[in-house]
Amino acid sequence: MEYVRLGSSGLKVSRICLGMMSYGDPAWREWLLDEEAAEPFVRRAAEAGITFFDTADVYSTGVSETITGNLLRTVFGQREDYVLATKVHGQMGPGANDRGLSRKHILAGIDASLRRLGVDYVDLYQIHRYDPETPIEETMQALDDVVRSGKARYIGASSMWAWQFAKAQVTGPTRFVAMQNHYNLAYREEEREMIPLCLDQGVGVIPWSPLARGLLAGSRGRGGQRNTVRSKSDPFGDSLYSEADFDVVDQLTAVASARGVPPAQVALAWLLHKPGVTAPIIGATKLHHIDDAVAAVDIDLSPEEMKQLEEPYRPHAVVGHD
């Protein structure tokens, strides 16, 4: 495993981040794994050198954070041996102030997340989306207070328009060190504005859905074929990709076949070659998902292979910013 700085910060993270949304309450999403089933995945990740873990308060409405905290304590023991990230924004209760990025919700949210995680601080506290109903000055001041209180070491953001992220960055006083955005071989719209902005500002890019919700690993086929439990019950995923994206999948399959490796490894390797990308956030519901991600770190794609992978791409409507 390789370890790199998260953007221009001093924080070192593994080049693969394990996303913990897959571990929670199956009543929330039928493909989720409970705590007992999730433990082997965290152990396999730790054995492979993964030290970076990402969750959110809204995943299974808090259950994912509880599982994440329990398993990281069990597997690692020492708090300083791993980097823990969570997010705030989503609806966490019935009240009008139980969501969003107001000062009230952020300060309540960090305390609730810390209780569920069973830790004194998180390494990276991220806003899950932009909140147009709250002045950005209020949000950034509240995040600064979270950092100054010692409850978070750094702050980050997730999918939003580049102008919104730029506005937040100049508002401060504490600046974001990471952008968790939608970016993969089948969805590259972030290359237009967000990633150049992150490169300019020294912000690390930690893409979500690096395998396009399994599309790049064979979860879907042409003509509407669904090959996994998740793909059969994923209306959001249905809205993200189209038949044209299977031209990208075909080239990915060709490059992977020539190398004798699974397509998932090549898709992740492509991301790891892209400017600004620190660590893709992978989901894993089978142990080989972790093995493929770790193997991708050592794959050195040639310029010709990169061109072959990128050539079939067609522009998409921008999604995931609401």
Protein backbone atom coordinates (compact mmCIF):
# COMPACT_ATOMS: atom_id res chain seq x y z
CA MET A 1 0.00 0.00 0.00
CA GLU A 2 1.11 3.54 -0.72
CA TYR A 3 0.48 6.49 1.59
CA VAL A 4 0.20 10.08 0.40
CA ARG A 5 -0.75 13.46 1.77
CA LEU A 6 -4.40 14.42 1.51
CA GLY A 7 -4.12 17.37 -0.85
CA SER A 8 -1.61 19.89 0.49
CA SER A 9 -2.42 19.04 4.12
CA GLY A 10 0.00 17.14 6.31
CA LEU A 11 -2.42 14.25 6.79
CA LYS A 12 -1.18 10.96 5.33
CA VAL A 13 -3.78 8.49 4.02
CA SER A 14 -3.69 5.18 2.20
CA ARG A 15 -4.28 5.42 -1.56
CA ILE A 16 -7.42 3.35 -1.14
CA CYS A 17 -10.24 4.41 1.19
CA LEU A 18 -12.81 1.86 2.36
CA GLY A 19 -16.31 3.31 2.18
CA MET A 20 -18.45 2.09 5.07
CA MET A 21 -21.89 2.74 3.56
CA SER A 22 -22.06 -0.97 2.67
CA TYR A 23 -22.16 -1.86 6.37
CA GLY A 24 -25.31 -1.00 8.25
CA ASP A 25 -28.96 -1.95 8.56
CA PRO A 26 -30.26 -4.18 5.73
CA ALA A 27 -33.68 -2.62 6.32
CA TRP A 28 -32.20 0.64 4.96
CA ARG A 29 -30.78 -1.01 1.81
CA GLU A 30 -31.23 -4.73 1.16
CA TRP A 31 -27.65 -5.26 -0.01
CA LEU A 32 -26.06 -3.96 3.23
CA LEU A 33 -24.02 -6.17 5.57
CA ASP A 34 -24.54 -6.11 9.34
CA GLU A 35 -21.69 -5.71 11.83
CA GLU A 36 -20.82 -9.39 12.09
CA ALA A 37 -20.70 -9.79 8.33
CA ALA A 38 -18.72 -6.56 7.92
CA GLU A 39 -15.88 -7.42 10.30
CA PRO A 40 -13.90 -9.59 7.82
CA PHE A 41 -13.89 -6.69 5.36
CA VAL A 42 -12.36 -4.24 7.81
CA ARG A 43 -9.81 -6.87 8.84
CA ARG A 44 -8.89 -7.61 5.22
CA ALA A 45 -8.54 -3.88 4.54
CA ALA A 46 -6.31 -3.37 7.58
CA GLU A 47 -4.14 -6.37 6.67
CA ALA A 48 -3.69 -4.88 3.19
CA GLY A 49 -2.53 -1.56 4.65
CA ILE A 50 -5.73 0.46 4.19
CA THR A 51 -5.91 3.05 6.97
CA PHE A 52 -8.53 5.43 5.54
CA PHE A 53 -12.24 4.82 6.26
CA ASP A 54 -15.24 6.96 5.25
CA THR A 55 -18.82 6.94 6.51
CA ALA A 56 -21.68 9.44 7.05
CA ASP A 57 -24.31 10.13 9.66
CA VAL A 58 -27.11 9.46 7.18
CA TYR A 59 -25.90 5.98 6.13
CA SER A 60 -28.45 3.61 7.70
CA THR A 61 -29.42 6.69 9.77
CA GLY A 62 -26.43 6.34 12.07
CA VAL A 63 -26.02 2.57 12.12
CA SER A 64 -23.06 2.70 9.72
CA GLU A 65 -21.22 5.06 12.08
CA THR A 66 -21.86 2.73 15.02
CA ILE A 67 -20.57 -0.29 13.09
CA THR A 68 -17.59 1.69 11.79
CA GLY A 69 -16.55 2.79 15.28
CA ASN A 70 -16.96 -0.68 16.75
CA LEU A 71 -14.99 -2.43 14.02
CA LEU A 72 -12.15 0.08 13.86
CA ARG A 73 -11.65 -0.22 17.63
CA THR A 74 -11.69 -4.01 17.38
CA VAL A 75 -9.36 -4.28 14.39
CA PHE A 76 -6.90 -1.44 15.01
CA GLY A 77 -6.99 -0.87 18.74
CA GLN A 78 -5.04 2.39 18.64
CA ARG A 79 -7.04 5.44 17.50
CA GLU A 80 -4.00 7.03 15.87
CA ASP A 81 -3.50 4.04 13.57
CA TYR A 82 -6.35 4.92 11.21
CA VAL A 83 -7.90 7.95 9.51
CA LEU A 84 -11.63 8.30 10.09
CA ALA A 85 -13.95 10.47 7.99
CA THR A 86 -17.66 11.12 8.33
CA LYS A 87 -20.19 13.54 6.87
CA VAL A 88 -23.02 15.83 7.93
CA HIS A 89 -26.06 17.24 6.08
CA GLY A 90 -28.73 14.58 5.61
CA GLN A 91 -32.05 14.15 7.40
CA MET A 92 -31.33 12.59 10.81
CA GLY A 93 -34.69 13.12 12.49
CA PRO A 94 -38.22 14.46 11.99
CA GLY A 95 -37.45 18.04 13.00
CA ALA A 96 -36.90 21.04 10.74
CA ASN A 97 -33.38 21.44 12.14
CA ASP A 98 -32.43 17.77 11.84
CA ARG A 99 -30.71 18.31 8.50
CA GLY A 100 -28.72 20.89 6.56
CA LEU A 101 -25.64 22.94 7.38
CA SER A 102 -26.90 25.40 9.96
CA ARG A 103 -24.75 26.08 13.00
CA LYS A 104 -27.36 24.28 15.11
CA HIS A 105 -27.28 21.10 13.02
CA ILE A 106 -23.51 20.97 12.50
CA LEU A 107 -22.72 21.33 16.21
CA ALA A 108 -25.39 18.79 17.14
CA GLY A 109 -24.30 16.55 14.26
CA ILE A 110 -20.65 16.29 15.23
CA ASP A 111 -21.53 15.40 18.82
CA ALA A 112 -23.99 12.74 17.68
CA SER A 113 -21.49 11.28 15.22
CA LEU A 114 -18.77 11.11 17.86
CA ARG A 115 -21.13 9.28 20.23
CA ARG A 116 -22.05 6.72 17.57
CA LEU A 117 -18.45 6.28 16.45
CA GLY A 118 -17.23 6.05 20.06
CA VAL A 119 -14.31 8.42 19.48
CA ASP A 120 -13.22 11.83 20.74
CA TYR A 121 -12.57 13.22 17.27
CA VAL A 122 -12.78 12.46 13.56
CA ASP A 123 -9.87 13.14 11.25
CA LEU A 124 -12.01 14.50 8.41
CA TYR A 125 -15.46 16.08 8.87
CA GLN A 126 -17.23 16.64 5.55
CA ILE A 127 -20.31 18.51 4.42
CA HIS A 128 -22.29 15.96 2.41
CA ARG A 129 -23.80 18.52 0.03
CA TYR A 130 -24.09 22.30 -0.27
CA ASP A 131 -26.96 23.87 1.69
CA PRO A 132 -28.50 26.77 -0.27
CA GLU A 133 -30.77 27.63 2.67
CA THR A 134 -27.91 28.45 5.05
CA PRO A 135 -25.44 31.33 4.56
CA ILE A 136 -22.06 29.83 3.74
CA GLU A 137 -20.50 32.13 6.35
CA GLU A 138 -22.57 30.42 9.05
CA THR A 139 -21.59 26.96 7.84
CA MET A 140 -17.87 27.73 7.60
CA GLN A 141 -17.76 29.41 11.02
CA ALA A 142 -19.47 26.38 12.58
CA LEU A 143 -16.97 24.04 10.89
CA ASP A 144 -14.11 26.20 12.14
CA ASP A 145 -15.51 25.90 15.67
CA VAL A 146 -15.66 22.11 15.28
CA VAL A 147 -11.97 22.06 14.35
CA ARG A 148 -10.96 24.51 17.09
CA SER A 149 -12.84 22.43 19.65
CA GLY A 150 -10.70 19.41 18.71
CA LYS A 151 -13.66 17.37 17.50
CA ALA A 152 -12.30 17.24 13.93
CA ARG A 153 -8.75 17.59 12.65
CA TYR A 154 -9.65 18.66 9.09
CA ILE A 155 -12.74 19.51 7.07
CA GLY A 156 -13.84 18.38 3.63
CA ALA A 157 -16.76 18.71 1.22
CA SER A 158 -18.68 16.48 -1.16
CA SER A 159 -20.43 16.92 -4.50
CA MET A 160 -21.39 20.49 -5.37
CA TRP A 161 -20.87 23.03 -8.12
CA ALA A 162 -17.32 24.36 -8.44
CA TRP A 163 -18.49 27.93 -7.81
CA GLN A 164 -20.08 26.82 -4.53
CA PHE A 165 -16.88 25.12 -3.43
CA ALA A 166 -14.79 28.14 -4.40
CA LYS A 167 -17.12 30.43 -2.44
CA ALA A 168 -16.81 28.23 0.64
CA GLN A 169 -13.02 28.07 0.35
CA VAL A 170 -12.59 31.84 0.33
CA THR A 171 -15.06 32.26 3.20
CA GLY A 172 -13.02 30.19 5.65
CA PRO A 173 -11.58 30.66 8.19
CA THR A 174 -10.69 26.92 8.15
CA ARG A 175 -10.29 25.66 4.59
CA PHE A 176 -11.33 22.36 3.08
CA VAL A 177 -8.55 19.84 2.44
CA ALA A 178 -10.65 17.28 0.52
CA MET A 179 -13.39 17.05 -2.11
CA GLN A 180 -15.41 13.83 -2.25
CA ASN A 181 -16.96 13.96 -5.69
CA HIS A 182 -18.57 11.72 -8.29
CA TYR A 183 -15.74 10.69 -10.60
CA ASN A 184 -14.97 7.53 -12.55
CA LEU A 185 -14.12 6.30 -16.03
CA ALA A 186 -17.80 6.50 -17.05
CA TYR A 187 -18.49 9.90 -15.45
CA ARG A 188 -15.80 12.54 -15.99
CA GLU A 189 -17.71 15.82 -15.85
CA GLU A 190 -15.69 16.85 -12.77
CA GLU A 191 -12.66 17.27 -15.06
CA ARG A 192 -14.23 20.45 -16.45
CA GLU A 193 -14.15 22.70 -13.38
CA MET A 194 -14.04 20.95 -10.00
CA ILE A 195 -10.80 19.02 -10.39
CA PRO A 196 -8.86 21.99 -11.86
CA LEU A 197 -10.12 24.02 -8.89
CA CYS A 198 -8.95 21.34 -6.46
CA LEU A 199 -5.52 21.21 -8.13
CA ASP A 200 -5.21 24.97 -7.87
CA GLN A 201 -6.27 25.01 -4.21
CA GLY A 202 -4.28 21.99 -3.07
CA VAL A 203 -7.42 20.02 -2.27
CA GLY A 204 -7.25 16.22 -2.35
CA VAL A 205 -9.84 14.45 -4.52
CA ILE A 206 -11.38 11.32 -2.96
CA PRO A 207 -13.94 10.12 -5.54
CA TRP A 208 -17.12 8.32 -4.60
CA SER A 209 -18.48 5.57 -6.85
CA PRO A 210 -15.09 4.92 -8.51
CA LEU A 211 -16.54 1.85 -10.24
CA ALA A 212 -19.74 3.62 -11.31
CA ARG A 213 -21.89 1.67 -8.82
CA GLY A 214 -20.48 -1.56 -10.20
CA LEU A 215 -21.02 -0.72 -13.89
CA LEU A 216 -17.24 -0.88 -14.50
CA ALA A 217 -17.04 -4.20 -12.67
CA GLY A 218 -19.84 -5.96 -14.55
CA SER A 219 -22.89 -5.27 -12.38
CA ARG A 220 -24.90 -4.18 -15.43
CA GLY A 221 -25.08 -5.21 -19.05
CA ARG A 222 -26.41 -3.77 -22.28
CA GLY A 223 -30.17 -3.72 -22.69
CA GLY A 224 -30.94 -3.30 -19.00
CA GLN A 225 -29.33 -6.47 -17.67
CA ARG A 226 -28.80 -6.44 -13.87
CA ASN A 227 -26.26 -8.84 -12.38
CA THR A 228 -26.18 -7.91 -8.68
CA VAL A 229 -28.67 -7.37 -5.86
CA ARG A 230 -27.72 -3.71 -5.66
CA SER A 231 -28.07 -3.03 -9.38
CA LYS A 232 -31.56 -4.57 -9.32
CA SER A 233 -32.72 -2.09 -6.67
CA ASP A 234 -30.79 1.09 -7.47
CA PRO A 235 -32.97 3.75 -9.12
CA PHE A 236 -30.33 6.43 -8.48
CA GLY A 237 -27.78 4.33 -10.34
CA ASP A 238 -30.26 3.90 -13.17
CA SER A 239 -30.32 7.68 -13.58
CA LEU A 240 -26.53 8.08 -13.70
CA TYR A 241 -25.46 5.98 -16.67
CA SER A 242 -26.68 5.16 -20.18
CA GLU A 243 -26.19 2.63 -22.98
CA ALA A 244 -23.37 4.78 -24.39
CA ASP A 245 -21.34 4.04 -21.28
CA PHE A 246 -21.02 0.42 -22.32
CA ASP A 247 -18.62 1.58 -25.05
CA VAL A 248 -16.34 2.64 -22.18
CA VAL A 249 -16.92 -0.72 -20.49
CA ASP A 250 -15.93 -2.52 -23.70
CA GLN A 251 -12.58 -0.71 -23.88
CA LEU A 252 -12.01 -1.28 -20.17
CA THR A 253 -12.66 -4.99 -20.66
CA ALA A 254 -10.23 -5.08 -23.58
CA VAL A 255 -7.41 -3.41 -21.62
CA ALA A 256 -8.03 -5.62 -18.60
CA SER A 257 -8.15 -8.76 -20.72
CA ALA A 258 -4.84 -7.89 -22.38
CA ARG A 259 -3.30 -7.54 -18.93
CA GLY A 260 -5.01 -10.62 -17.51
CA VAL A 261 -6.61 -8.76 -14.62
CA PRO A 262 -10.21 -7.95 -13.64
CA PRO A 263 -11.71 -4.77 -15.14
CA ALA A 264 -12.22 -3.31 -11.66
CA GLN A 265 -8.45 -3.19 -11.14
CA VAL A 266 -7.88 -1.27 -14.35
CA ALA A 267 -10.76 1.15 -13.67
CA LEU A 268 -9.33 1.98 -10.26
CA ALA A 269 -5.80 2.22 -11.64
CA TRP A 270 -7.06 4.75 -14.19
CA LEU A 271 -8.42 6.91 -11.37
CA LEU A 272 -5.18 6.62 -9.42
CA HIS A 273 -3.32 7.95 -12.48
CA LYS A 274 -5.51 11.07 -12.75
CA PRO A 275 -4.21 14.43 -11.48
CA GLY A 276 -5.40 15.41 -8.03
CA VAL A 277 -6.85 12.02 -7.06
CA THR A 278 -5.67 11.00 -3.60
CA ALA A 279 -7.75 7.92 -2.78
CA PRO A 280 -10.85 6.45 -4.45
CA ILE A 281 -13.52 5.44 -1.93
CA ILE A 282 -14.38 1.83 -2.67
CA GLY A 283 -17.39 -0.15 -1.51
CA ALA A 284 -16.87 -3.82 -0.73
CA THR A 285 -19.47 -6.53 -0.21
CA LYS A 286 -17.19 -9.35 -1.37
CA LEU A 287 -13.64 -9.76 -0.09
CA HIS A 288 -12.17 -9.76 -3.59
CA HIS A 289 -13.43 -6.17 -3.97
CA ILE A 290 -10.78 -5.14 -1.45
CA ASP A 291 -8.14 -7.32 -3.10
CA ASP A 292 -8.86 -5.75 -6.49
CA ALA A 293 -8.61 -2.24 -5.07
CA VAL A 294 -5.29 -2.93 -3.39
CA ALA A 295 -3.90 -4.57 -6.54
CA ALA A 296 -4.87 -1.47 -8.58
CA VAL A 297 -2.32 0.61 -6.68
CA ASP A 298 0.51 -1.33 -8.36
CA ILE A 299 -0.86 -1.17 -11.92
CA ASP A 300 1.07 1.25 -14.13
CA LEU A 301 -1.04 2.11 -17.16
CA SER A 302 0.70 3.29 -20.31
CA PRO A 303 -0.27 6.50 -22.13
CA GLU A 304 -1.69 4.31 -24.91
CA GLU A 305 -3.86 2.38 -22.46
CA MET A 306 -5.08 5.61 -20.84
CA LYS A 307 -6.05 6.94 -24.29
CA GLN A 308 -7.83 3.71 -25.17
CA LEU A 309 -9.83 3.84 -21.93
CA GLU A 310 -10.80 7.49 -22.33
CA GLU A 311 -11.56 7.67 -26.06
CA PRO A 312 -15.18 6.35 -26.02
CA TYR A 313 -16.36 8.78 -23.32
CA ARG A 314 -19.45 10.86 -24.02
CA PRO A 315 -20.53 13.88 -21.92
CA HIS A 316 -23.16 13.41 -19.23
CA ALA A 317 -25.67 15.61 -17.49
CA VAL A 318 -24.17 16.77 -14.21
CA VAL A 319 -25.66 14.86 -11.27
CA GLY A 320 -25.16 14.44 -7.55
CA HIS A 321 -24.99 18.13 -6.61
CA ASP A 322 -28.35 18.35 -4.80
